[in-house]
Full PDB file with SEQRES, HELIX, SHEET, SSBOND, CRYST1, ORIGX, SCALE, CONECT and MASTER records, all heavy atoms in Angstrom:
SEQRES   1 A   41  GLN ASN ALA GLY PRO PRO PRO LEU ALA LEU SER ALA ASP          
SEQRES   2 A   41  LEU CYS ASP ASP PRO GLY ASN MET ALA ILE LEU LEU ASP          
SEQRES   3 A   41  SER PRO ALA ALA GLU GLU ILE LEU THR SER GLU GLN LEU          
SEQRES   4 A   41  ASN GLN                                                      
HELIX    1 AA1 LEU A   14  ASP A   16  5                                   3    
HELIX    2 AA2 GLY A   19  LEU A   25  1                                   7    
HELIX    3 AA3 PRO A   28  LEU A   34  1                                   7    
CRYST1    1.000    1.000    1.000  90.00  90.00  90.00 P 1           1          
ORIGX1      1.000000  0.000000  0.000000        0.00000                         
ORIGX2      0.000000  1.000000  0.000000        0.00000                         
ORIGX3      0.000000  0.000000  1.000000        0.00000                         
SCALE1      1.000000  0.000000  0.000000        0.00000                         
SCALE2      0.000000  1.000000  0.000000        0.00000                         
SCALE3      0.000000  0.000000  1.000000        0.00000                         
ATOM      1  N   GLN A   1      83.828 102.876 120.643  1.00  0.00           N  
ATOM      2  CA  GLN A   1      82.477 103.473 120.712  1.00  0.00           C  
ATOM      3  C   GLN A   1      82.406 104.763 121.396  1.00  0.00           C  
ATOM      4  O   GLN A   1      81.475 105.558 121.292  1.00  0.00           O  
ATOM      5  CB  GLN A   1      81.486 102.433 121.290  1.00  0.00           C  
ATOM      6  CG  GLN A   1      81.632 102.162 122.774  1.00  0.00           C  
ATOM      7  CD  GLN A   1      82.387 100.825 122.928  1.00  0.00           C  
ATOM      8  OE1 GLN A   1      83.235 100.496 122.063  1.00  0.00           O  
ATOM      9  NE2 GLN A   1      82.066 100.065 123.917  1.00  0.00           N  
ATOM     10  N   ASN A   2      83.495 105.147 122.196  1.00  0.00           N  
ATOM     11  CA  ASN A   2      83.585 106.430 122.839  1.00  0.00           C  
ATOM     12  C   ASN A   2      84.587 107.383 122.217  1.00  0.00           C  
ATOM     13  O   ASN A   2      85.032 108.311 122.880  1.00  0.00           O  
ATOM     14  CB  ASN A   2      84.024 106.154 124.343  1.00  0.00           C  
ATOM     15  CG  ASN A   2      83.006 105.346 125.064  1.00  0.00           C  
ATOM     16  OD1 ASN A   2      81.844 105.494 124.974  1.00  0.00           O  
ATOM     17  ND2 ASN A   2      83.506 104.415 125.963  1.00  0.00           N  
ATOM     18  N   ALA A   3      84.869 107.112 121.007  1.00  0.00           N  
ATOM     19  CA  ALA A   3      86.011 107.773 120.324  1.00  0.00           C  
ATOM     20  C   ALA A   3      85.532 109.034 119.651  1.00  0.00           C  
ATOM     21  O   ALA A   3      86.378 109.712 118.956  1.00  0.00           O  
ATOM     22  CB  ALA A   3      86.736 106.913 119.317  1.00  0.00           C  
ATOM     23  N   GLY A   4      84.335 109.508 119.821  1.00  0.00           N  
ATOM     24  CA  GLY A   4      83.855 110.744 119.225  1.00  0.00           C  
ATOM     25  C   GLY A   4      83.081 110.559 117.922  1.00  0.00           C  
ATOM     26  O   GLY A   4      82.636 109.485 117.622  1.00  0.00           O  
ATOM     27  N   PRO A   5      83.059 111.563 117.070  1.00  0.00           N  
ATOM     28  CA  PRO A   5      82.221 111.541 115.921  1.00  0.00           C  
ATOM     29  C   PRO A   5      82.784 110.518 114.849  1.00  0.00           C  
ATOM     30  O   PRO A   5      83.971 110.247 114.859  1.00  0.00           O  
ATOM     31  CB  PRO A   5      82.327 112.917 115.324  1.00  0.00           C  
ATOM     32  CG  PRO A   5      83.619 113.493 115.854  1.00  0.00           C  
ATOM     33  CD  PRO A   5      83.776 112.903 117.201  1.00  0.00           C  
ATOM     34  N   PRO A   6      81.979 109.980 113.990  1.00  0.00           N  
ATOM     35  CA  PRO A   6      82.412 109.047 112.937  1.00  0.00           C  
ATOM     36  C   PRO A   6      83.307 109.722 111.948  1.00  0.00           C  
ATOM     37  O   PRO A   6      83.175 110.895 111.670  1.00  0.00           O  
ATOM     38  CB  PRO A   6      81.156 108.555 112.387  1.00  0.00           C  
ATOM     39  CG  PRO A   6      80.143 109.653 112.541  1.00  0.00           C  
ATOM     40  CD  PRO A   6      80.564 110.298 113.885  1.00  0.00           C  
ATOM     41  N   PRO A   7      84.209 109.010 111.378  1.00  0.00           N  
ATOM     42  CA  PRO A   7      85.130 109.569 110.362  1.00  0.00           C  
ATOM     43  C   PRO A   7      84.334 110.051 109.123  1.00  0.00           C  
ATOM     44  O   PRO A   7      84.774 110.882 108.378  1.00  0.00           O  
ATOM     45  CB  PRO A   7      86.065 108.476 110.040  1.00  0.00           C  
ATOM     46  CG  PRO A   7      85.490 107.249 110.547  1.00  0.00           C  
ATOM     47  CD  PRO A   7      84.572 107.577 111.676  1.00  0.00           C  
ATOM     48  N   LEU A   8      83.226 109.294 108.749  1.00  0.00           N  
ATOM     49  CA  LEU A   8      82.382 109.614 107.641  1.00  0.00           C  
ATOM     50  C   LEU A   8      80.935 109.616 108.041  1.00  0.00           C  
ATOM     51  O   LEU A   8      80.489 108.761 108.792  1.00  0.00           O  
ATOM     52  CB  LEU A   8      82.624 108.626 106.537  1.00  0.00           C  
ATOM     53  CG  LEU A   8      83.758 108.596 105.622  1.00  0.00           C  
ATOM     54  CD1 LEU A   8      83.753 107.401 104.670  1.00  0.00           C  
ATOM     55  CD2 LEU A   8      83.747 109.876 104.855  1.00  0.00           C  
ATOM     56  N   ALA A   9      80.232 110.583 107.590  1.00  0.00           N  
ATOM     57  CA  ALA A   9      78.820 110.584 107.733  1.00  0.00           C  
ATOM     58  C   ALA A   9      78.207 109.454 106.945  1.00  0.00           C  
ATOM     59  O   ALA A   9      78.515 109.299 105.795  1.00  0.00           O  
ATOM     60  CB  ALA A   9      78.173 111.858 107.357  1.00  0.00           C  
ATOM     61  N   LEU A  10      77.337 108.561 107.533  1.00  0.00           N  
ATOM     62  CA  LEU A  10      76.763 107.513 106.826  1.00  0.00           C  
ATOM     63  C   LEU A  10      75.689 107.947 105.822  1.00  0.00           C  
ATOM     64  O   LEU A  10      74.824 108.632 106.260  1.00  0.00           O  
ATOM     65  CB  LEU A  10      76.199 106.454 107.821  1.00  0.00           C  
ATOM     66  CG  LEU A  10      77.178 105.915 108.820  1.00  0.00           C  
ATOM     67  CD1 LEU A  10      76.475 104.826 109.708  1.00  0.00           C  
ATOM     68  CD2 LEU A  10      78.400 105.354 108.246  1.00  0.00           C  
ATOM     69  N   SER A  11      75.889 107.574 104.631  1.00  0.00           N  
ATOM     70  CA  SER A  11      74.873 107.923 103.584  1.00  0.00           C  
ATOM     71  C   SER A  11      74.934 106.895 102.476  1.00  0.00           C  
ATOM     72  O   SER A  11      75.892 106.075 102.304  1.00  0.00           O  
ATOM     73  CB  SER A  11      75.221 109.354 102.998  1.00  0.00           C  
ATOM     74  OG  SER A  11      76.424 109.329 102.263  1.00  0.00           O  
ATOM     75  N   ALA A  12      73.905 106.962 101.571  1.00  0.00           N  
ATOM     76  CA  ALA A  12      73.778 105.985 100.605  1.00  0.00           C  
ATOM     77  C   ALA A  12      74.700 106.254  99.404  1.00  0.00           C  
ATOM     78  O   ALA A  12      74.801 105.464  98.456  1.00  0.00           O  
ATOM     79  CB  ALA A  12      72.358 105.817 100.033  1.00  0.00           C  
ATOM     80  N   ASP A  13      75.391 107.362  99.368  1.00  0.00           N  
ATOM     81  CA  ASP A  13      76.245 107.716  98.203  1.00  0.00           C  
ATOM     82  C   ASP A  13      77.765 107.636  98.564  1.00  0.00           C  
ATOM     83  O   ASP A  13      78.634 108.089  97.794  1.00  0.00           O  
ATOM     84  CB  ASP A  13      75.953 109.122  97.718  1.00  0.00           C  
ATOM     85  CG  ASP A  13      76.171 110.263  98.762  1.00  0.00           C  
ATOM     86  OD1 ASP A  13      76.536 109.842  99.941  1.00  0.00           O  
ATOM     87  OD2 ASP A  13      75.877 111.426  98.488  1.00  0.00           O  
ATOM     88  N   LEU A  14      78.133 106.895  99.654  1.00  0.00           N  
ATOM     89  CA  LEU A  14      79.487 106.757  99.989  1.00  0.00           C  
ATOM     90  C   LEU A  14      80.336 106.096  98.878  1.00  0.00           C  
ATOM     91  O   LEU A  14      81.470 106.396  98.717  1.00  0.00           O  
ATOM     92  CB  LEU A  14      79.659 105.896 101.293  1.00  0.00           C  
ATOM     93  CG  LEU A  14      79.193 106.553 102.540  1.00  0.00           C  
ATOM     94  CD1 LEU A  14      79.358 105.560 103.699  1.00  0.00           C  
ATOM     95  CD2 LEU A  14      80.048 107.817 102.830  1.00  0.00           C  
ATOM     96  N   CYS A  15      79.704 105.218  98.185  1.00  0.00           N  
ATOM     97  CA  CYS A  15      80.388 104.502  97.127  1.00  0.00           C  
ATOM     98  C   CYS A  15      80.673 105.269  95.866  1.00  0.00           C  
ATOM     99  O   CYS A  15      81.351 104.815  94.910  1.00  0.00           O  
ATOM    100  CB  CYS A  15      79.627 103.200  96.766  1.00  0.00           C  
ATOM    101  SG  CYS A  15      79.443 102.044  98.124  1.00  0.00           S  
ATOM    102  N   ASP A  16      80.120 106.499  95.814  1.00  0.00           N  
ATOM    103  CA  ASP A  16      80.347 107.267  94.603  1.00  0.00           C  
ATOM    104  C   ASP A  16      81.690 107.879  94.550  1.00  0.00           C  
ATOM    105  O   ASP A  16      82.130 108.371  93.466  1.00  0.00           O  
ATOM    106  CB  ASP A  16      79.255 108.489  94.563  1.00  0.00           C  
ATOM    107  CG  ASP A  16      77.888 107.922  94.358  1.00  0.00           C  
ATOM    108  OD1 ASP A  16      77.730 106.713  93.981  1.00  0.00           O  
ATOM    109  OD2 ASP A  16      76.868 108.622  94.719  1.00  0.00           O  
ATOM    110  N   ASP A  17      82.356 107.955  95.610  1.00  0.00           N  
ATOM    111  CA  ASP A  17      83.710 108.671  95.725  1.00  0.00           C  
ATOM    112  C   ASP A  17      84.724 107.768  96.377  1.00  0.00           C  
ATOM    113  O   ASP A  17      84.710 107.493  97.491  1.00  0.00           O  
ATOM    114  CB  ASP A  17      83.532 109.929  96.571  1.00  0.00           C  
ATOM    115  CG  ASP A  17      84.798 110.792  96.582  1.00  0.00           C  
ATOM    116  OD1 ASP A  17      85.839 110.369  96.007  1.00  0.00           O  
ATOM    117  OD2 ASP A  17      84.831 111.819  97.260  1.00  0.00           O  
ATOM    118  N   PRO A  18      85.614 107.220  95.580  1.00  0.00           N  
ATOM    119  CA  PRO A  18      86.685 106.281  96.172  1.00  0.00           C  
ATOM    120  C   PRO A  18      87.612 107.093  97.100  1.00  0.00           C  
ATOM    121  O   PRO A  18      88.212 106.369  97.988  1.00  0.00           O  
ATOM    122  CB  PRO A  18      87.455 105.859  94.864  1.00  0.00           C  
ATOM    123  CG  PRO A  18      87.190 106.897  93.784  1.00  0.00           C  
ATOM    124  CD  PRO A  18      85.771 107.381  94.105  1.00  0.00           C  
ATOM    125  N   GLY A  19      87.539 108.412  97.094  1.00  0.00           N  
ATOM    126  CA  GLY A  19      88.379 109.103  98.044  1.00  0.00           C  
ATOM    127  C   GLY A  19      87.786 108.951  99.485  1.00  0.00           C  
ATOM    128  O   GLY A  19      88.581 109.199 100.494  1.00  0.00           O  
ATOM    129  N   ASN A  20      86.596 108.434  99.675  1.00  0.00           N  
ATOM    130  CA  ASN A  20      86.147 108.197 101.008  1.00  0.00           C  
ATOM    131  C   ASN A  20      86.890 107.118 101.707  1.00  0.00           C  
ATOM    132  O   ASN A  20      86.935 107.121 103.019  1.00  0.00           O  
ATOM    133  CB  ASN A  20      84.623 107.823 100.971  1.00  0.00           C  
ATOM    134  CG  ASN A  20      83.692 108.965 100.618  1.00  0.00           C  
ATOM    135  OD1 ASN A  20      83.985 110.058 101.077  1.00  0.00           O  
ATOM    136  ND2 ASN A  20      82.645 108.760  99.937  1.00  0.00           N  
ATOM    137  N   MET A  21      87.488 106.281 100.976  1.00  0.00           N  
ATOM    138  CA  MET A  21      88.297 105.241 101.654  1.00  0.00           C  
ATOM    139  C   MET A  21      89.494 105.878 102.330  1.00  0.00           C  
ATOM    140  O   MET A  21      89.984 105.499 103.395  1.00  0.00           O  
ATOM    141  CB  MET A  21      88.760 104.159 100.618  1.00  0.00           C  
ATOM    142  CG  MET A  21      89.537 103.005 101.266  1.00  0.00           C  
ATOM    143  SD  MET A  21      88.598 102.116 102.496  1.00  0.00           S  
ATOM    144  CE  MET A  21      87.746 100.959 101.443  1.00  0.00           C  
ATOM    145  N   ALA A  22      90.086 106.843 101.580  1.00  0.00           N  
ATOM    146  CA  ALA A  22      91.268 107.576 102.206  1.00  0.00           C  
ATOM    147  C   ALA A  22      90.883 108.287 103.463  1.00  0.00           C  
ATOM    148  O   ALA A  22      91.655 108.380 104.383  1.00  0.00           O  
ATOM    149  CB  ALA A  22      91.858 108.559 101.179  1.00  0.00           C  
ATOM    150  N   ILE A  23      89.600 108.896 103.457  1.00  0.00           N  
ATOM    151  CA  ILE A  23      89.197 109.532 104.702  1.00  0.00           C  
ATOM    152  C   ILE A  23      89.120 108.546 105.844  1.00  0.00           C  
ATOM    153  O   ILE A  23      89.496 108.791 106.997  1.00  0.00           O  
ATOM    154  CB  ILE A  23      87.813 110.223 104.423  1.00  0.00           C  
ATOM    155  CG1 ILE A  23      87.958 111.318 103.422  1.00  0.00           C  
ATOM    156  CG2 ILE A  23      87.224 110.667 105.732  1.00  0.00           C  
ATOM    157  CD1 ILE A  23      86.674 111.974 102.980  1.00  0.00           C  
ATOM    158  N   LEU A  24      88.589 107.342 105.582  1.00  0.00           N  
ATOM    159  CA  LEU A  24      88.566 106.346 106.615  1.00  0.00           C  
ATOM    160  C   LEU A  24      89.959 105.945 107.122  1.00  0.00           C  
ATOM    161  O   LEU A  24      90.182 105.829 108.309  1.00  0.00           O  
ATOM    162  CB  LEU A  24      87.820 105.084 106.058  1.00  0.00           C  
ATOM    163  CG  LEU A  24      86.270 105.185 105.956  1.00  0.00           C  
ATOM    164  CD1 LEU A  24      85.785 103.922 105.130  1.00  0.00           C  
ATOM    165  CD2 LEU A  24      85.656 105.258 107.310  1.00  0.00           C  
ATOM    166  N   LEU A  25      90.844 105.686 106.129  1.00  0.00           N  
ATOM    167  CA  LEU A  25      92.214 105.261 106.487  1.00  0.00           C  
ATOM    168  C   LEU A  25      92.945 106.293 107.258  1.00  0.00           C  
ATOM    169  O   LEU A  25      93.800 105.974 108.109  1.00  0.00           O  
ATOM    170  CB  LEU A  25      93.020 104.882 105.181  1.00  0.00           C  
ATOM    171  CG  LEU A  25      92.420 103.732 104.428  1.00  0.00           C  
ATOM    172  CD1 LEU A  25      93.219 103.478 103.100  1.00  0.00           C  
ATOM    173  CD2 LEU A  25      92.457 102.455 105.238  1.00  0.00           C  
ATOM    174  N   ASP A  26      92.612 107.576 107.095  1.00  0.00           N  
ATOM    175  CA  ASP A  26      93.294 108.598 107.901  1.00  0.00           C  
ATOM    176  C   ASP A  26      92.632 108.875 109.168  1.00  0.00           C  
ATOM    177  O   ASP A  26      93.204 109.713 110.050  1.00  0.00           O  
ATOM    178  CB  ASP A  26      93.220 109.925 107.146  1.00  0.00           C  
ATOM    179  CG  ASP A  26      94.130 109.931 105.840  1.00  0.00           C  
ATOM    180  OD1 ASP A  26      95.079 109.047 105.823  1.00  0.00           O  
ATOM    181  OD2 ASP A  26      93.985 110.742 104.949  1.00  0.00           O  
ATOM    182  N   SER A  27      91.580 108.261 109.506  1.00  0.00           N  
ATOM    183  CA  SER A  27      90.898 108.428 110.770  1.00  0.00           C  
ATOM    184  C   SER A  27      91.387 107.579 111.790  1.00  0.00           C  
ATOM    185  O   SER A  27      91.519 106.331 111.707  1.00  0.00           O  
ATOM    186  CB  SER A  27      89.416 108.184 110.523  1.00  0.00           C  
ATOM    187  OG  SER A  27      88.761 108.019 111.821  1.00  0.00           O  
ATOM    188  N   PRO A  28      91.738 108.077 113.010  1.00  0.00           N  
ATOM    189  CA  PRO A  28      92.207 107.224 114.134  1.00  0.00           C  
ATOM    190  C   PRO A  28      91.222 106.112 114.508  1.00  0.00           C  
ATOM    191  O   PRO A  28      91.590 105.035 114.728  1.00  0.00           O  
ATOM    192  CB  PRO A  28      92.481 108.208 115.298  1.00  0.00           C  
ATOM    193  CG  PRO A  28      92.638 109.525 114.567  1.00  0.00           C  
ATOM    194  CD  PRO A  28      91.816 109.500 113.358  1.00  0.00           C  
ATOM    195  N   ALA A  29      89.941 106.553 114.472  1.00  0.00           N  
ATOM    196  CA  ALA A  29      88.939 105.488 114.898  1.00  0.00           C  
ATOM    197  C   ALA A  29      88.883 104.372 113.853  1.00  0.00           C  
ATOM    198  O   ALA A  29      88.829 103.199 114.270  1.00  0.00           O  
ATOM    199  CB  ALA A  29      87.567 106.196 115.019  1.00  0.00           C  
ATOM    200  N   ALA A  30      88.910 104.728 112.555  1.00  0.00           N  
ATOM    201  CA  ALA A  30      88.863 103.677 111.567  1.00  0.00           C  
ATOM    202  C   ALA A  30      90.187 102.908 111.516  1.00  0.00           C  
ATOM    203  O   ALA A  30      90.152 101.647 111.296  1.00  0.00           O  
ATOM    204  CB  ALA A  30      88.617 104.341 110.148  1.00  0.00           C  
ATOM    205  N   GLU A  31      91.261 103.570 111.766  1.00  0.00           N  
ATOM    206  CA  GLU A  31      92.602 102.826 111.739  1.00  0.00           C  
ATOM    207  C   GLU A  31      92.577 101.800 112.859  1.00  0.00           C  
ATOM    208  O   GLU A  31      93.172 100.719 112.650  1.00  0.00           O  
ATOM    209  CB  GLU A  31      93.702 103.805 111.918  1.00  0.00           C  
ATOM    210  CG  GLU A  31      95.055 103.176 111.927  1.00  0.00           C  
ATOM    211  CD  GLU A  31      96.208 104.141 112.168  1.00  0.00           C  
ATOM    212  OE1 GLU A  31      95.911 105.371 112.555  1.00  0.00           O  
ATOM    213  OE2 GLU A  31      97.373 103.795 112.077  1.00  0.00           O  
ATOM    214  N   GLU A  32      92.038 102.114 114.016  1.00  0.00           N  
ATOM    215  CA  GLU A  32      91.920 101.186 115.131  1.00  0.00           C  
ATOM    216  C   GLU A  32      91.195  99.929 114.698  1.00  0.00           C  
ATOM    217  O   GLU A  32      91.573  98.807 115.091  1.00  0.00           O  
ATOM    218  CB  GLU A  32      91.282 101.801 116.286  1.00  0.00           C  
ATOM    219  CG  GLU A  32      91.172 100.895 117.556  1.00  0.00           C  
ATOM    220  CD  GLU A  32      90.509 101.466 118.743  1.00  0.00           C  
ATOM    221  OE1 GLU A  32      90.270 102.748 118.707  1.00  0.00           O  
ATOM    222  OE2 GLU A  32      90.057 100.716 119.713  1.00  0.00           O  
ATOM    223  N   ILE A  33      90.134 100.167 113.936  1.00  0.00           N  
ATOM    224  CA  ILE A  33      89.288  98.987 113.498  1.00  0.00           C  
ATOM    225  C   ILE A  33      90.018  98.192 112.401  1.00  0.00           C  
ATOM    226  O   ILE A  33      90.168  97.008 112.508  1.00  0.00           O  
ATOM    227  CB  ILE A  33      87.874  99.512 112.959  1.00  0.00           C  
ATOM    228  CG1 ILE A  33      87.126 100.135 114.054  1.00  0.00           C  
ATOM    229  CG2 ILE A  33      87.134  98.336 112.302  1.00  0.00           C  
ATOM    230  CD1 ILE A  33      86.779  99.187 115.188  1.00  0.00           C  
ATOM    231  N   LEU A  34      90.521  98.888 111.343  1.00  0.00           N  
ATOM    232  CA  LEU A  34      91.046  98.246 110.239  1.00  0.00           C  
ATOM    233  C   LEU A  34      92.420  97.593 110.475  1.00  0.00           C  
ATOM    234  O   LEU A  34      92.784  96.693 109.720  1.00  0.00           O  
ATOM    235  CB  LEU A  34      91.117  99.205 109.113  1.00  0.00           C  
ATOM    236  CG  LEU A  34      89.790  99.771 108.611  1.00  0.00           C  
ATOM    237  CD1 LEU A  34      90.006 100.762 107.396  1.00  0.00           C  
ATOM    238  CD2 LEU A  34      88.827  98.793 108.271  1.00  0.00           C  
ATOM    239  N   THR A  35      93.079  97.945 111.501  1.00  0.00           N  
ATOM    240  CA  THR A  35      94.321  97.286 111.848  1.00  0.00           C  
ATOM    241  C   THR A  35      94.193  96.297 113.080  1.00  0.00           C  
ATOM    242  O   THR A  35      95.181  95.877 113.528  1.00  0.00           O  
ATOM    243  CB  THR A  35      95.462  98.368 112.169  1.00  0.00           C  
ATOM    244  OG1 THR A  35      95.022  99.158 113.348  1.00  0.00           O  
ATOM    245  CG2 THR A  35      95.700  99.260 111.027  1.00  0.00           C  
ATOM    246  N   SER A  36      92.997  96.125 113.441  1.00  0.00           N  
ATOM    247  CA  SER A  36      92.744  95.291 114.621  1.00  0.00           C  
ATOM    248  C   SER A  36      93.216  93.849 114.346  1.00  0.00           C  
ATOM    249  O   SER A  36      93.063  93.307 113.270  1.00  0.00           O  
ATOM    250  CB  SER A  36      91.257  95.257 114.967  1.00  0.00           C  
ATOM    251  OG  SER A  36      90.897  94.243 115.816  1.00  0.00           O  
ATOM    252  N   GLU A  37      93.690  93.179 115.407  1.00  0.00           N  
ATOM    253  CA  GLU A  37      94.079  91.775 115.265  1.00  0.00           C  
ATOM    254  C   GLU A  37      92.918  90.866 115.012  1.00  0.00           C  
ATOM    255  O   GLU A  37      93.086  89.737 114.630  1.00  0.00           O  
ATOM    256  CB  GLU A  37      94.884  91.358 116.534  1.00  0.00           C  
ATOM    257  CG  GLU A  37      96.191  91.984 116.739  1.00  0.00           C  
ATOM    258  CD  GLU A  37      96.902  91.513 117.961  1.00  0.00           C  
ATOM    259  OE1 GLU A  37      96.306  90.667 118.703  1.00  0.00           O  
ATOM    260  OE2 GLU A  37      98.026  91.866 118.233  1.00  0.00           O  
ATOM    261  N   GLN A  38      91.597  91.408 115.268  1.00  0.00           N  
ATOM    262  CA  GLN A  38      90.504  90.626 115.005  1.00  0.00           C  
ATOM    263  C   GLN A  38      90.208  90.491 113.532  1.00  0.00           C  
ATOM    264  O   GLN A  38      89.354  89.587 113.139  1.00  0.00           O  
ATOM    265  CB  GLN A  38      89.260  91.259 115.740  1.00  0.00           C  
ATOM    266  CG  GLN A  38      89.386  91.321 117.258  1.00  0.00           C  
ATOM    267  CD  GLN A  38      88.183  91.956 117.853  1.00  0.00           C  
ATOM    268  OE1 GLN A  38      87.083  91.669 117.389  1.00  0.00           O  
ATOM    269  NE2 GLN A  38      88.312  92.790 118.833  1.00  0.00           N  
ATOM    270  N   LEU A  39      90.762  91.351 112.693  1.00  0.00           N  
ATOM    271  CA  LEU A  39      90.503  91.284 111.267  1.00  0.00           C  
ATOM    272  C   LEU A  39      91.652  90.739 110.476  1.00  0.00           C  
ATOM    273  O   LEU A  39      92.803  90.970 110.843  1.00  0.00           O  
ATOM    274  CB  LEU A  39      90.221  92.730 110.788  1.00  0.00           C  
ATOM    275  CG  LEU A  39      88.957  93.435 111.445  1.00  0.00           C  
ATOM    276  CD1 LEU A  39      88.768  94.684 110.600  1.00  0.00           C  
ATOM    277  CD2 LEU A  39      87.748  92.640 111.274  1.00  0.00           C  
ATOM    278  N   ASN A  40      91.301  89.943 109.503  1.00  0.00           N  
ATOM    279  CA  ASN A  40      92.333  89.427 108.569  1.00  0.00           C  
ATOM    280  C   ASN A  40      92.882  90.527 107.677  1.00  0.00           C  
ATOM    281  O   ASN A  40      92.133  91.072 106.811  1.00  0.00           O  
ATOM    282  CB  ASN A  40      91.587  88.314 107.722  1.00  0.00           C  
ATOM    283  CG  ASN A  40      92.564  87.710 106.691  1.00  0.00           C  
ATOM    284  OD1 ASN A  40      93.662  88.278 106.403  1.00  0.00           O  
ATOM    285  ND2 ASN A  40      92.127  86.592 106.149  1.00  0.00           N  
ATOM    286  N   GLN A  41      94.071  90.916 107.874  1.00  0.00           N  
ATOM    287  CA  GLN A  41      94.656  92.072 107.221  1.00  0.00           C  
ATOM    288  C   GLN A  41      94.782  91.927 105.736  1.00  0.00           C  
ATOM    289  O   GLN A  41      94.681  92.867 104.946  1.00  0.00           O  
ATOM    290  CB  GLN A  41      95.950  92.520 107.791  1.00  0.00           C  
ATOM    291  CG  GLN A  41      95.845  93.040 109.217  1.00  0.00           C  
ATOM    292  CD  GLN A  41      94.924  94.251 109.335  1.00  0.00           C  
ATOM    293  OE1 GLN A  41      95.074  95.139 108.531  1.00  0.00           O  
ATOM    294  NE2 GLN A  41      93.926  94.165 110.175  1.00  0.00           N  
TER     295      GLN A  41                                                      
MASTER        0    0    0    3    0    0    0    6  294    1    0    4          
END                                                                             
């Protein structure tokens, strides 16, 4: 929560571009979340 700006601006059209997933995966903040041991990989 102290990691700075979000990797993606939240908007209702995020699903229009599958490339947005790559942006998330390249973000350190998102990578920390998506590789967390709390989540079923």
